[in-house]
Protein backbone atom coordinates (compact mmCIF):
# COMPACT_ATOMS: atom_id res chain seq x y z
CA UNK A 1 0.00 0.00 0.00
CA UNK A 2 1.06 3.54 -0.67
CA UNK A 3 1.98 5.31 2.60
CA UNK A 4 0.40 8.58 1.43
CA UNK A 5 -2.92 6.89 0.74
CA UNK A 6 -2.77 5.04 4.05
CA UNK A 7 -2.14 8.26 5.99
CA UNK A 8 -4.86 10.09 4.08
CA UNK A 9 -7.31 7.29 4.80
CA UNK A 10 -6.37 7.23 8.49
CA UNK A 11 -6.71 10.97 9.02
CA UNK A 12 -10.02 11.05 7.17
CA UNK A 13 -11.63 8.60 9.60
CA UNK A 14 -14.40 10.29 11.59
CA UNK A 15 -13.02 9.23 14.97
CA UNK A 16 -9.58 10.65 14.10
CA UNK A 17 -11.21 13.87 12.91
CA UNK A 18 -13.13 14.21 16.20
CA UNK A 19 -9.95 13.50 18.17
CA UNK A 20 -8.10 16.22 16.24
CA UNK A 21 -10.88 18.73 16.91
CA UNK A 22 -10.95 17.78 20.60
CA UNK A 23 -7.18 18.19 20.95
CA UNK A 24 -7.20 21.59 19.22
CA UNK A 25 -10.08 22.82 21.38
CA UNK A 26 -8.37 21.57 24.55
CA UNK A 27 -5.16 23.41 23.68
CA UNK A 28 -7.14 26.56 22.83
CA UNK A 29 -8.91 26.43 26.20
CA UNK A 30 -5.62 25.87 28.03
CA UNK A 31 -4.06 28.81 26.21
CA UNK A 32 -7.01 31.08 26.95
CA UNK A 33 -7.06 30.07 30.61
CA UNK A 34 -3.34 30.87 30.85
CA UNK A 35 -3.98 34.34 29.41
CA UNK A 36 -6.53 35.02 32.16
CA UNK A 37 -4.55 36.03 35.29
CA UNK A 38 -7.01 34.71 37.89
CA UNK A 39 -6.60 31.15 36.66
CA UNK A 40 -2.93 31.26 35.78
CA UNK A 41 -0.26 31.02 38.46
CA UNK A 42 2.39 31.82 35.84
CA UNK A 43 0.83 35.16 34.92
CA UNK A 44 -0.68 35.90 38.35
CA UNK A 45 2.67 35.70 40.18
CA UNK A 46 3.87 39.21 39.19
CA UNK A 47 0.51 40.67 40.25
CA UNK A 48 0.79 38.99 43.65
CA UNK A 49 4.11 40.76 44.22
CA UNK A 50 2.52 44.15 43.54
CA UNK A 51 -0.26 43.79 46.13
CA UNK A 52 -0.15 45.90 49.30
CA UNK A 53 -0.08 43.95 52.56
CA UNK A 54 -2.19 46.49 54.45
């Protein structure tokens, strides 16, 4: 079998398509949650240093 045709067939399977969509959406949500300071310890750390302790 031709490897190109085999790969094309595999990636055109519905379950593989849904898995690809799920993975992309999961990474998008992770990226968006990291851009939101309340949910991201990486981005929220500098803001914690700026808070007054009064």
